[in-house]
């Protein structure tokens, strides 16, 4: 039982470290796209036009990075929204008898 628990913890930790590593790699490539001198320091052939790597692909637009704008809205008081429910049901057949009609003659 204890061994299975350690295996689960190890697998969860491995996933966390892998996610952190991949995020670090992507952010470092993104930092290289912003700094041309840093890219040239990493690749000697970065000045050549036929040079292709992850940095040049990201710079040329072959890989899209998400761009999101978030505008926070702060309210001072809670807002409650109420909806009125309207019943627009119209029966197709009027089953009510007028007040002047009595029971059928057979029953009286």
PDB file of N, CA and C in Angstrom:
ATOM      1  N   UNK A   1       0.828  -1.196   0.000  1.00  0.00           N
ATOM      2  CA  UNK A   1       0.000   0.000   0.000  1.00  0.00           C
ATOM      3  C   UNK A   1       0.869   1.255   0.000  1.00  0.00           C
ATOM      4  N   UNK A   2       1.883   1.259   0.830  1.00  0.00           N
ATOM      5  CA  UNK A   2       2.773   2.399   0.931  1.00  0.00           C
ATOM      6  C   UNK A   2       3.559   2.600  -0.366  1.00  0.00           C
ATOM      7  N   UNK A   3       3.920   1.500  -1.018  1.00  0.00           N
ATOM      8  CA  UNK A   3       4.666   1.566  -2.270  1.00  0.00           C
ATOM      9  C   UNK A   3       3.824   2.187  -3.385  1.00  0.00           C
ATOM     10  N   UNK A   4       2.543   1.845  -3.443  1.00  0.00           N
ATOM     11  CA  UNK A   4       1.634   2.402  -4.441  1.00  0.00           C
ATOM     12  C   UNK A   4       1.452   3.901  -4.228  1.00  0.00           C
ATOM     13  N   UNK A   5       1.403   4.302  -2.987  1.00  0.00           N
ATOM     14  CA  UNK A   5       1.258   5.726  -2.667  1.00  0.00           C
ATOM     15  C   UNK A   5       2.493   6.513  -3.117  1.00  0.00           C
ATOM     16  N   UNK A   6       3.671   5.951  -2.892  1.00  0.00           N
ATOM     17  CA  UNK A   6       4.899   6.603  -3.336  1.00  0.00           C
ATOM     18  C   UNK A   6       4.962   6.690  -4.857  1.00  0.00           C
ATOM     19  N   UNK A   7       4.462   5.675  -5.525  1.00  0.00           N
ATOM     20  CA  UNK A   7       4.458   5.674  -6.989  1.00  0.00           C
ATOM     21  C   UNK A   7       3.532   6.761  -7.528  1.00  0.00           C
ATOM     22  N   UNK A   8       2.379   6.940  -6.904  1.00  0.00           N
ATOM     23  CA  UNK A   8       1.457   7.994  -7.327  1.00  0.00           C
ATOM     24  C   UNK A   8       2.053   9.385  -7.095  1.00  0.00           C
ATOM     25  N   UNK A   9       2.690   9.577  -5.957  1.00  0.00           N
ATOM     26  CA  UNK A   9       3.305  10.864  -5.655  1.00  0.00           C
ATOM     27  C   UNK A   9       4.433  11.147  -6.641  1.00  0.00           C
ATOM     28  N   UNK A  10       5.233  10.125  -6.955  1.00  0.00           N
ATOM     29  CA  UNK A  10       6.322  10.295  -7.905  1.00  0.00           C
ATOM     30  C   UNK A  10       5.793  10.658  -9.285  1.00  0.00           C
ATOM     31  N   UNK A  11       4.701  10.010  -9.737  1.00  0.00           N
ATOM     32  CA  UNK A  11       4.118  10.310 -11.042  1.00  0.00           C
ATOM     33  C   UNK A  11       3.563  11.731 -11.082  1.00  0.00           C
ATOM     34  N   UNK A  12       2.927  12.157 -10.003  1.00  0.00           N
ATOM     35  CA  UNK A  12       2.391  13.521  -9.958  1.00  0.00           C
ATOM     36  C   UNK A  12       3.524  14.539  -9.974  1.00  0.00           C
ATOM     37  N   UNK A  13       4.588  14.290  -9.216  1.00  0.00           N
ATOM     38  CA  UNK A  13       5.735  15.197  -9.213  1.00  0.00           C
ATOM     39  C   UNK A  13       6.410  15.241 -10.572  1.00  0.00           C
ATOM     40  N   UNK A  14       6.476  14.103 -11.244  1.00  0.00           N
ATOM     41  CA  UNK A  14       7.097  14.053 -12.564  1.00  0.00           C
ATOM     42  C   UNK A  14       6.313  14.900 -13.555  1.00  0.00           C
ATOM     43  N   UNK A  15       4.979  14.842 -13.487  1.00  0.00           N
ATOM     44  CA  UNK A  15       4.151  15.659 -14.383  1.00  0.00           C
ATOM     45  C   UNK A  15       4.354  17.144 -14.114  1.00  0.00           C
ATOM     46  N   UNK A  16       4.443  17.520 -12.847  1.00  0.00           N
ATOM     47  CA  UNK A  16       4.659  18.926 -12.501  1.00  0.00           C
ATOM     48  C   UNK A  16       6.014  19.414 -13.015  1.00  0.00           C
ATOM     49  N   UNK A  17       7.064  18.605 -12.830  1.00  0.00           N
ATOM     50  CA  UNK A  17       8.384  19.002 -13.295  1.00  0.00           C
ATOM     51  C   UNK A  17       8.442  19.065 -14.814  1.00  0.00           C
ATOM     52  N   UNK A  18       7.760  18.152 -15.492  1.00  0.00           N
ATOM     53  CA  UNK A  18       7.738  18.170 -16.953  1.00  0.00           C
ATOM     54  C   UNK A  18       7.019  19.415 -17.464  1.00  0.00           C
ATOM     55  N   UNK A  19       5.920  19.776 -16.844  1.00  0.00           N
ATOM     56  CA  UNK A  19       5.189  20.981 -17.245  1.00  0.00           C
ATOM     57  C   UNK A  19       6.034  22.230 -17.009  1.00  0.00           C
ATOM     58  N   UNK A  20       6.726  22.283 -15.885  1.00  0.00           N
ATOM     59  CA  UNK A  20       7.582  23.433 -15.591  1.00  0.00           C
ATOM     60  C   UNK A  20       8.752  23.509 -16.567  1.00  0.00           C
ATOM     61  N   UNK A  21       9.308  22.372 -16.944  1.00  0.00           N
ATOM     62  CA  UNK A  21      10.412  22.348 -17.898  1.00  0.00           C
ATOM     63  C   UNK A  21       9.968  22.817 -19.275  1.00  0.00           C
ATOM     64  N   UNK A  22       8.820  22.324 -19.742  1.00  0.00           N
ATOM     65  CA  UNK A  22       8.319  22.732 -21.051  1.00  0.00           C
ATOM     66  C   UNK A  22       7.953  24.208 -21.079  1.00  0.00           C
ATOM     67  N   UNK A  23       7.405  24.713 -19.989  1.00  0.00           N
ATOM     68  CA  UNK A  23       7.114  26.143 -19.910  1.00  0.00           C
ATOM     69  C   UNK A  23       8.401  26.956 -19.941  1.00  0.00           C
ATOM     70  N   UNK A  24       9.421  26.483 -19.254  1.00  0.00           N
ATOM     71  CA  UNK A  24      10.716  27.165 -19.269  1.00  0.00           C
ATOM     72  C   UNK A  24      11.350  27.176 -20.644  1.00  0.00           C
ATOM     73  N   UNK A  25      11.237  26.076 -21.375  1.00  0.00           N
ATOM     74  CA  UNK A  25      11.781  26.019 -22.738  1.00  0.00           C
ATOM     75  C   UNK A  25      11.040  27.007 -23.636  1.00  0.00           C
ATOM     76  N   UNK A  26       9.719  27.021 -23.551  1.00  0.00           N
ATOM     77  CA  UNK A  26       8.961  27.949 -24.399  1.00  0.00           C
ATOM     78  C   UNK A  26       9.280  29.394 -24.066  1.00  0.00           C
ATOM     79  N   UNK A  27       9.370  29.729 -22.789  1.00  0.00           N
ATOM     80  CA  UNK A  27       9.680  31.107 -22.411  1.00  0.00           C
ATOM     81  C   UNK A  27      11.092  31.505 -22.818  1.00  0.00           C
ATOM     82  N   UNK A  28      12.023  30.563 -22.782  1.00  0.00           N
ATOM     83  CA  UNK A  28      13.385  30.892 -23.220  1.00  0.00           C
ATOM     84  C   UNK A  28      13.432  31.109 -24.724  1.00  0.00           C
ATOM     85  N   UNK A  29      12.698  30.318 -25.502  1.00  0.00           N
ATOM     86  CA  UNK A  29      12.630  30.540 -26.953  1.00  0.00           C
ATOM     87  C   UNK A  29      11.956  31.872 -27.234  1.00  0.00           C
ATOM     88  N   UNK A  30      10.929  32.196 -26.488  1.00  0.00           N
ATOM     89  CA  UNK A  30      10.250  33.478 -26.670  1.00  0.00           C
ATOM     90  C   UNK A  30      11.185  34.637 -26.320  1.00  0.00           C
ATOM     91  N   UNK A  31      12.027  34.477 -25.303  1.00  0.00           N
ATOM     92  CA  UNK A  31      13.001  35.515 -24.954  1.00  0.00           C
ATOM     93  C   UNK A  31      14.036  35.666 -26.059  1.00  0.00           C
ATOM     94  N   UNK A  32      14.396  34.562 -26.714  1.00  0.00           N
ATOM     95  CA  UNK A  32      15.339  34.646 -27.832  1.00  0.00           C
ATOM     96  C   UNK A  32      14.740  35.379 -29.022  1.00  0.00           C
ATOM     97  N   UNK A  33      13.426  35.302 -29.204  1.00  0.00           N
ATOM     98  CA  UNK A  33      12.805  36.041 -30.302  1.00  0.00           C
ATOM     99  C   UNK A  33      12.826  37.534 -30.050  1.00  0.00           C
ATOM    100  N   UNK A  34      12.830  37.932 -28.804  1.00  0.00           N
ATOM    101  CA  UNK A  34      12.835  39.351 -28.479  1.00  0.00           C
ATOM    102  C   UNK A  34      14.225  39.964 -28.541  1.00  0.00           C
ATOM    103  N   UNK A  35      15.259  39.162 -28.364  1.00  0.00           N
ATOM    104  CA  UNK A  35      16.628  39.673 -28.345  1.00  0.00           C
ATOM    105  C   UNK A  35      17.420  39.047 -29.493  1.00  0.00           C
ATOM    106  N   UNK A  36      17.723  39.845 -30.512  1.00  0.00           N
ATOM    107  CA  UNK A  36      18.483  39.360 -31.666  1.00  0.00           C
ATOM    108  C   UNK A  36      19.930  39.041 -31.281  1.00  0.00           C
ATOM    109  N   UNK A  37      20.525  39.838 -30.401  1.00  0.00           N
ATOM    110  CA  UNK A  37      21.915  39.581 -29.992  1.00  0.00           C
ATOM    111  C   UNK A  37      22.034  38.291 -29.179  1.00  0.00           C
ATOM    112  N   UNK A  38      21.034  38.006 -28.375  1.00  0.00           N
ATOM    113  CA  UNK A  38      21.037  36.758 -27.615  1.00  0.00           C
ATOM    114  C   UNK A  38      20.881  35.560 -28.552  1.00  0.00           C
ATOM    115  N   UNK A  39      20.078  35.709 -29.601  1.00  0.00           N
ATOM    116  CA  UNK A  39      19.902  34.650 -30.580  1.00  0.00           C
ATOM    117  C   UNK A  39      21.195  34.422 -31.352  1.00  0.00           C
ATOM    118  N   UNK A  40      21.881  35.507 -31.708  1.00  0.00           N
ATOM    119  CA  UNK A  40      23.161  35.377 -32.418  1.00  0.00           C
ATOM    120  C   UNK A  40      24.233  34.766 -31.513  1.00  0.00           C
ATOM    121  N   UNK A  41      24.166  35.038 -30.226  1.00  0.00           N
ATOM    122  CA  UNK A  41      25.130  34.442 -29.303  1.00  0.00           C
ATOM    123  C   UNK A  41      24.908  32.944 -29.176  1.00  0.00           C
ATOM    124  N   UNK A  42      23.670  32.505 -29.325  1.00  0.00           N
ATOM    125  CA  UNK A  42      23.364  31.077 -29.219  1.00  0.00           C
ATOM    126  C   UNK A  42      23.649  30.338 -30.523  1.00  0.00           C
ATOM    127  N   UNK A  43      23.302  30.966 -31.670  1.00  0.00           N
ATOM    128  CA  UNK A  43      23.531  30.369 -32.987  1.00  0.00           C
ATOM    129  C   UNK A  43      24.519  31.231 -33.753  1.00  0.00           C
ATOM    130  N   UNK A  44      25.575  30.632 -34.228  1.00  0.00           N
ATOM    131  CA  UNK A  44      26.536  31.391 -35.026  1.00  0.00           C
ATOM    132  C   UNK A  44      25.977  31.723 -36.401  1.00  0.00           C
ATOM    133  N   UNK A  45      25.165  30.835 -36.950  1.00  0.00           N
ATOM    134  CA  UNK A  45      24.622  31.045 -38.291  1.00  0.00           C
ATOM    135  C   UNK A  45      23.268  31.760 -38.264  1.00  0.00           C
ATOM    136  N   UNK A  46      22.948  32.443 -37.190  1.00  0.00           N
ATOM    137  CA  UNK A  46      21.664  33.146 -37.078  1.00  0.00           C
ATOM    138  C   UNK A  46      21.557  34.300 -38.055  1.00  0.00           C
ATOM    139  N   UNK A  47      22.683  34.833 -38.532  1.00  0.00           N
ATOM    140  CA  UNK A  47      22.665  35.954 -39.475  1.00  0.00           C
ATOM    141  C   UNK A  47      22.333  35.503 -40.893  1.00  0.00           C
ATOM    142  N   UNK A  48      22.493  34.239 -41.189  1.00  0.00           N
ATOM    143  CA  UNK A  48      22.256  33.739 -42.542  1.00  0.00           C
ATOM    144  C   UNK A  48      20.758  33.659 -42.811  1.00  0.00           C
ATOM    145  N   UNK A  49      20.331  33.986 -44.046  1.00  0.00           N
ATOM    146  CA  UNK A  49      18.898  33.980 -44.337  1.00  0.00           C
ATOM    147  C   UNK A  49      18.275  32.582 -44.379  1.00  0.00           C
ATOM    148  N   UNK A  50      19.060  31.545 -44.672  1.00  0.00           N
ATOM    149  CA  UNK A  50      18.491  30.202 -44.745  1.00  0.00           C
ATOM    150  C   UNK A  50      18.443  29.507 -43.380  1.00  0.00           C
ATOM    151  N   UNK A  51      18.897  30.184 -42.340  1.00  0.00           N
ATOM    152  CA  UNK A  51      18.888  29.619 -40.993  1.00  0.00           C
ATOM    153  C   UNK A  51      17.443  29.459 -40.501  1.00  0.00           C
ATOM    154  N   UNK A  52      17.131  28.275 -40.002  1.00  0.00           N
ATOM    155  CA  UNK A  52      15.804  28.031 -39.458  1.00  0.00           C
ATOM    156  C   UNK A  52      15.918  27.293 -38.138  1.00  0.00           C
ATOM    157  N   UNK A  53      15.225  27.816 -37.159  1.00  0.00           N
ATOM    158  CA  UNK A  53      15.142  27.163 -35.853  1.00  0.00           C
ATOM    159  C   UNK A  53      13.810  27.575 -35.231  1.00  0.00           C
ATOM    160  N   UNK A  54      13.585  27.162 -34.008  1.00  0.00           N
ATOM    161  CA  UNK A  54      12.318  27.499 -33.342  1.00  0.00           C
ATOM    162  C   UNK A  54      12.167  28.997 -33.164  1.00  0.00           C
ATOM    163  N   UNK A  55      13.280  29.691 -32.974  1.00  0.00           N
ATOM    164  CA  UNK A  55      13.232  31.141 -32.782  1.00  0.00           C
ATOM    165  C   UNK A  55      12.802  31.835 -34.066  1.00  0.00           C
ATOM    166  N   UNK A  56      13.396  31.448 -35.187  1.00  0.00           N
ATOM    167  CA  UNK A  56      13.026  32.088 -36.456  1.00  0.00           C
ATOM    168  C   UNK A  56      11.609  31.721 -36.879  1.00  0.00           C
ATOM    169  N   UNK A  57      11.178  30.518 -36.540  1.00  0.00           N
ATOM    170  CA  UNK A  57       9.791  30.142 -36.852  1.00  0.00           C
ATOM    171  C   UNK A  57       8.816  30.988 -36.046  1.00  0.00           C
ATOM    172  N   UNK A  58       9.136  31.237 -34.804  1.00  0.00           N
ATOM    173  CA  UNK A  58       8.283  32.063 -33.957  1.00  0.00           C
ATOM    174  C   UNK A  58       8.301  33.516 -34.421  1.00  0.00           C
ATOM    175  N   UNK A  59       9.463  33.999 -34.885  1.00  0.00           N
ATOM    176  CA  UNK A  59       9.567  35.371 -35.381  1.00  0.00           C
ATOM    177  C   UNK A  59       8.812  35.560 -36.687  1.00  0.00           C
ATOM    178  N   UNK A  60       8.841  34.553 -37.553  1.00  0.00           N
ATOM    179  CA  UNK A  60       8.209  34.704 -38.871  1.00  0.00           C
ATOM    180  C   UNK A  60       6.706  34.493 -38.822  1.00  0.00           C
ATOM    181  N   UNK A  61       6.185  34.062 -37.726  1.00  0.00           N
ATOM    182  CA  UNK A  61       4.743  33.897 -37.605  1.00  0.00           C
ATOM    183  C   UNK A  61       4.252  32.508 -37.947  1.00  0.00           C
ATOM    184  N   UNK A  62       5.148  31.540 -38.087  1.00  0.00           N
ATOM    185  CA  UNK A  62       4.724  30.175 -38.376  1.00  0.00           C
ATOM    186  C   UNK A  62       4.154  29.493 -37.143  1.00  0.00           C
ATOM    187  N   UNK A  63       4.467  30.020 -35.984  1.00  0.00           N
ATOM    188  CA  UNK A  63       3.924  29.523 -34.725  1.00  0.00           C
ATOM    189  C   UNK A  63       3.205  30.695 -34.081  1.00  0.00           C
ATOM    190  N   UNK A  64       1.951  30.502 -33.748  1.00  0.00           N
ATOM    191  CA  UNK A  64       1.167  31.593 -33.176  1.00  0.00           C
ATOM    192  C   UNK A  64       1.226  31.550 -31.663  1.00  0.00           C
ATOM    193  N   UNK A  65       1.403  32.716 -31.089  1.00  0.00           N
ATOM    194  CA  UNK A  65       1.330  32.838 -29.639  1.00  0.00           C
ATOM    195  C   UNK A  65       0.006  33.491 -29.292  1.00  0.00           C
ATOM    196  N   UNK A  66      -0.664  33.037 -28.272  1.00  0.00           N
ATOM    197  CA  UNK A  66      -1.950  33.621 -27.929  1.00  0.00           C
ATOM    198  C   UNK A  66      -1.810  35.042 -27.395  1.00  0.00           C
ATOM    199  N   UNK A  67      -2.697  35.893 -27.861  1.00  0.00           N
ATOM    200  CA  UNK A  67      -2.732  37.270 -27.385  1.00  0.00           C
ATOM    201  C   UNK A  67      -4.102  37.482 -26.766  1.00  0.00           C
ATOM    202  N   UNK A  68      -4.119  37.827 -25.521  1.00  0.00           N
ATOM    203  CA  UNK A  68      -5.393  38.016 -24.825  1.00  0.00           C
ATOM    204  C   UNK A  68      -5.351  39.325 -24.060  1.00  0.00           C
ATOM    205  N   UNK A  69      -6.452  40.014 -24.106  1.00  0.00           N
ATOM    206  CA  UNK A  69      -6.580  41.226 -23.307  1.00  0.00           C
ATOM    207  C   UNK A  69      -7.688  41.001 -22.292  1.00  0.00           C
ATOM    208  N   UNK A  70      -7.383  41.288 -21.072  1.00  0.00           N
ATOM    209  CA  UNK A  70      -8.342  41.086 -19.994  1.00  0.00           C
ATOM    210  C   UNK A  70      -8.562  42.427 -19.317  1.00  0.00           C
ATOM    211  N   UNK A  71      -9.808  42.813 -19.236  1.00  0.00           N
ATOM    212  CA  UNK A  71     -10.139  44.050 -18.537  1.00  0.00           C
ATOM    213  C   UNK A  71     -10.966  43.700 -17.305  1.00  0.00           C
ATOM    214  N   UNK A  72     -10.406  43.902 -16.128  1.00  0.00           N
ATOM    215  CA  UNK A  72     -11.165  43.588 -14.918  1.00  0.00           C
ATOM    216  C   UNK A  72     -12.249  44.635 -14.674  1.00  0.00           C
ATOM    217  N   UNK A  73     -13.382  44.166 -14.246  1.00  0.00           N
ATOM    218  CA  UNK A  73     -14.497  45.050 -13.913  1.00  0.00           C
ATOM    219  C   UNK A  73     -14.760  44.894 -12.423  1.00  0.00           C
ATOM    220  N   UNK A  74     -14.623  45.986 -11.703  1.00  0.00           N
ATOM    221  CA  UNK A  74     -14.815  45.961 -10.256  1.00  0.00           C
ATOM    222  C   UNK A  74     -16.115  46.691  -9.943  1.00  0.00           C
ATOM    223  N   UNK A  75     -16.993  46.010  -9.250  1.00  0.00           N
ATOM    224  CA  UNK A  75     -18.249  46.626  -8.849  1.00  0.00           C
ATOM    225  C   UNK A  75     -18.200  46.916  -7.358  1.00  0.00           C
ATOM    226  N   UNK A  76     -18.851  47.996  -6.980  1.00  0.00           N
ATOM    227  CA  UNK A  76     -18.815  48.375  -5.568  1.00  0.00           C
ATOM    228  C   UNK A  76     -19.877  47.641  -4.756  1.00  0.00           C
ATOM    229  N   UNK A  77     -20.989  47.318  -5.373  1.00  0.00           N
ATOM    230  CA  UNK A  77     -22.065  46.627  -4.662  1.00  0.00           C
ATOM    231  C   UNK A  77     -22.503  45.424  -5.486  1.00  0.00           C
ATOM    232  N   UNK A  78     -22.970  44.382  -4.824  1.00  0.00           N
ATOM    233  CA  UNK A  78     -23.440  43.228  -5.591  1.00  0.00           C
ATOM    234  C   UNK A  78     -24.682  43.589  -6.415  1.00  0.00           C
ATOM    235  N   UNK A  79     -24.740  43.054  -7.593  1.00  0.00           N
ATOM    236  CA  UNK A  79     -25.853  43.325  -8.497  1.00  0.00           C
ATOM    237  C   UNK A  79     -26.693  42.061  -8.615  1.00  0.00           C
ATOM    238  N   UNK A  80     -27.994  42.240  -8.467  1.00  0.00           N
ATOM    239  CA  UNK A  80     -28.901  41.113  -8.598  1.00  0.00           C
ATOM    240  C   UNK A  80     -29.756  41.312  -9.837  1.00  0.00           C
ATOM    241  N   UNK A  81     -29.896  40.278 -10.590  1.00  0.00           N
ATOM    242  CA  UNK A  81     -30.702  40.331 -11.806  1.00  0.00           C
ATOM    243  C   UNK A  81     -31.893  39.415 -11.602  1.00  0.00           C
ATOM    244  N   UNK A  82     -33.072  39.965 -11.806  1.00  0.00           N
ATOM    245  CA  UNK A  82     -34.278  39.139 -11.717  1.00  0.00           C
ATOM    246  C   UNK A  82     -34.926  39.088 -13.082  1.00  0.00           C
ATOM    247  N   UNK A  83     -35.414  37.959 -13.414  1.00  0.00           N
ATOM    248  CA  UNK A  83     -36.097  37.764 -14.686  1.00  0.00           C
ATOM    249  C   UNK A  83     -37.563  37.479 -14.427  1.00  0.00           C
ATOM    250  N   UNK A  84     -38.420  38.155 -15.153  1.00  0.00           N
ATOM    251  CA  UNK A  84     -39.842  37.878 -15.030  1.00  0.00           C
ATOM    252  C   UNK A  84     -40.197  36.732 -15.961  1.00  0.00           C
ATOM    253  N   UNK A  85     -40.929  35.795 -15.426  1.00  0.00           N
ATOM    254  CA  UNK A  85     -41.362  34.664 -16.224  1.00  0.00           C
ATOM    255  C   UNK A  85     -42.798  34.919 -16.640  1.00  0.00           C
ATOM    256  N   UNK A  86     -43.012  34.931 -17.912  1.00  0.00           N
ATOM    257  CA  UNK A  86     -44.362  35.140 -18.437  1.00  0.00           C
ATOM    258  C   UNK A  86     -44.866  33.838 -19.028  1.00  0.00           C
ATOM    259  N   UNK A  87     -46.102  33.543 -18.733  1.00  0.00           N
ATOM    260  CA  UNK A  87     -46.727  32.349 -19.262  1.00  0.00           C
ATOM    261  C   UNK A  87     -47.638  32.768 -20.412  1.00  0.00           C
ATOM    262  N   UNK A  88     -47.229  32.470 -21.603  1.00  0.00           N
ATOM    263  CA  UNK A  88     -48.017  32.817 -22.776  1.00  0.00           C
ATOM    264  C   UNK A  88     -48.703  31.590 -23.366  1.00  0.00           C
ATOM    265  N   UNK A  89     -49.058  30.649 -22.503  1.00  0.00           N
ATOM    266  CA  UNK A  89     -49.700  29.424 -22.975  1.00  0.00           C
ATOM    267  C   UNK A  89     -51.143  29.710 -23.353  1.00  0.00           C
ATOM    268  N   UNK A  90     -51.497  29.388 -24.571  1.00  0.00           N
ATOM    269  CA  UNK A  90     -52.876  29.537 -25.050  1.00  0.00           C
ATOM    270  C   UNK A  90     -53.346  28.145 -25.449  1.00  0.00           C
ATOM    271  N   UNK A  91     -54.398  27.622 -24.759  1.00  0.00           N
ATOM    272  CA  UNK A  91     -54.857  26.282 -25.128  1.00  0.00           C
ATOM    273  C   UNK A  91     -55.464  26.293 -26.525  1.00  0.00           C
ATOM    274  N   UNK A  92     -55.233  25.224 -27.243  1.00  0.00           N
ATOM    275  CA  UNK A  92     -55.739  25.166 -28.613  1.00  0.00           C
ATOM    276  C   UNK A  92     -57.244  24.890 -28.646  1.00  0.00           C
ATOM    277  N   UNK A  93     -57.773  24.221 -27.640  1.00  0.00           N
ATOM    278  CA  UNK A  93     -59.208  23.924 -27.586  1.00  0.00           C
ATOM    279  C   UNK A  93     -59.754  24.466 -26.275  1.00  0.00           C
ATOM    280  N   UNK A  94     -60.837  25.216 -26.337  1.00  0.00           N
ATOM    281  CA  UNK A  94     -61.457  25.748 -25.136  1.00  0.00           C
ATOM    282  C   UNK A  94     -62.408  24.693 -24.599  1.00  0.00           C
ATOM    283  N   UNK A  95     -62.058  24.089 -23.457  1.00  0.00           N
ATOM    284  CA  UNK A  95     -62.858  23.004 -22.905  1.00  0.00           C
ATOM    285  C   UNK A  95     -63.870  23.480 -21.875  1.00  0.00           C
ATOM    286  N   UNK A  96     -63.874  24.742 -21.547  1.00  0.00           N
ATOM    287  CA  UNK A  96     -64.810  25.265 -20.554  1.00  0.00           C
ATOM    288  C   UNK A  96     -66.154  25.545 -21.223  1.00  0.00           C
ATOM    289  N   UNK A  97     -67.252  25.181 -20.532  1.00  0.00           N
ATOM    290  CA  UNK A  97     -68.593  25.439 -21.047  1.00  0.00           C
ATOM    291  C   UNK A  97     -69.057  26.819 -20.600  1.00  0.00           C
ATOM    292  N   UNK A  98     -69.826  27.493 -21.415  1.00  0.00           N
ATOM    293  CA  UNK A  98     -70.369  28.773 -20.973  1.00  0.00           C
ATOM    294  C   UNK A  98     -71.325  28.567 -19.799  1.00  0.00           C
ATOM    295  N   UNK A  99     -71.533  29.582 -18.945  1.00  0.00           N
ATOM    296  CA  UNK A  99     -72.364  29.425 -17.749  1.00  0.00           C
ATOM    297  C   UNK A  99     -73.843  29.111 -18.069  1.00  0.00           C
ATOM    298  N   UNK A 100     -74.348  29.455 -19.242  1.00  0.00           N
ATOM    299  CA  UNK A 100     -75.759  29.212 -19.539  1.00  0.00           C
ATOM    300  C   UNK A 100     -76.026  27.763 -19.936  1.00  0.00           C
ATOM    301  N   UNK A 101     -75.023  26.991 -20.208  1.00  0.00           N
ATOM    302  CA  UNK A 101     -75.210  25.597 -20.605  1.00  0.00           C
ATOM    303  C   UNK A 101     -75.244  24.708 -19.369  1.00  0.00           C
ATOM    304  N   UNK A 102     -76.165  23.816 -19.340  1.00  0.00           N
ATOM    305  CA  UNK A 102     -76.278  22.862 -18.235  1.00  0.00           C
ATOM    306  C   UNK A 102     -75.683  21.542 -18.655  1.00  0.00           C
ATOM    307  N   UNK A 103     -75.927  20.530 -17.822  1.00  0.00           N
ATOM    308  CA  UNK A 103     -75.442  19.211 -18.171  1.00  0.00           C
ATOM    309  C   UNK A 103     -76.212  18.665 -19.380  1.00  0.00           C
ATOM    310  N   UNK A 104     -75.700  17.690 -20.027  1.00  0.00           N
ATOM    311  CA  UNK A 104     -76.426  17.093 -21.171  1.00  0.00           C
ATOM    312  C   UNK A 104     -77.771  16.519 -20.740  1.00  0.00           C
ATOM    313  N   UNK A 105     -78.699  16.482 -21.666  1.00  0.00           N
ATOM    314  CA  UNK A 105     -80.070  16.032 -21.377  1.00  0.00           C
ATOM    315  C   UNK A 105     -80.133  14.560 -21.000  1.00  0.00           C
ATOM    316  N   UNK A 106     -79.247  13.769 -21.417  1.00  0.00           N
ATOM    317  CA  UNK A 106     -79.267  12.336 -21.123  1.00  0.00           C
ATOM    318  C   UNK A 106     -79.013  12.105 -19.633  1.00  0.00           C
ATOM    319  N   UNK A 107     -78.227  12.901 -19.039  1.00  0.00           N
ATOM    320  CA  UNK A 107     -77.864  12.717 -17.640  1.00  0.00           C
ATOM    321  C   UNK A 107     -78.905  13.297 -16.688  1.00  0.00           C
ATOM    322  N   UNK A 108     -79.826  14.123 -17.110  1.00  0.00           N
ATOM    323  CA  UNK A 108     -80.759  14.750 -16.185  1.00  0.00           C
ATOM    324  C   UNK A 108     -82.047  14.018 -16.056  1.00  0.00           C
TER     325      UNK A 108
END
